[in-house]
């Protein structure tokens, strides 16, 4: 990728999404953690539909601790992998209570010890809650990074994250992460990208452009 191409991409993202933020709804740190765990193989909209009901009914950390695993499963049934997610949420709440006094830790190594928390989830939590410069590579970020030439189509998520960290200024990590998600979710979609309207089409490496 040339410096000119990168500057064009970042300028376009800034123009299109100047003040973009994450779309998961939460008011407390543990609510965000739960929402991100639930977002695996589920859309943010679907997660919000589920968590609105739960977080309203169980508005405190201690009240959430009273929910049984089978009850979580019933709430999560509309989400993918809902049984695993119910188990993860049930167990991580207890670990947060016992080991962290009900708070979400900021250290990545501590987050990765929690059930259902992988690198992507840890990066989202660190960036969103603690404003620590992180790049979480989800399906949208992965697709956009490959199409725009930040990464190869054969790269795995770890390699993509490494390449994005090298390509982007540290102070842009969080903002560009959100911009790439929105660009991938609403414009440069997996199956129906708006290539004809895209000013980055000349940079795009996608072999099957919709022109």
Foldseek 3Di string as FASTA:
>chain_A
DDPVLVVVVVVVLCVVCVPFDDDADDDALVLLLLLLLQCVQHPSVLSNVLSVVVCVVQVDLVSVLVDDLVNQLVSSVVGPPSSQSSVQSNQQSVCCCPPVVRHDDLDLVVQCVGRSDDPLSSQVSNCVPVVQQAARDDPQNLVQCCFQPLDPPPDDRVVSRVSCPVVDDSNCRNVVNRSSNCCDVPACDDPDHPLVPDPSVVRTPDPDDPD
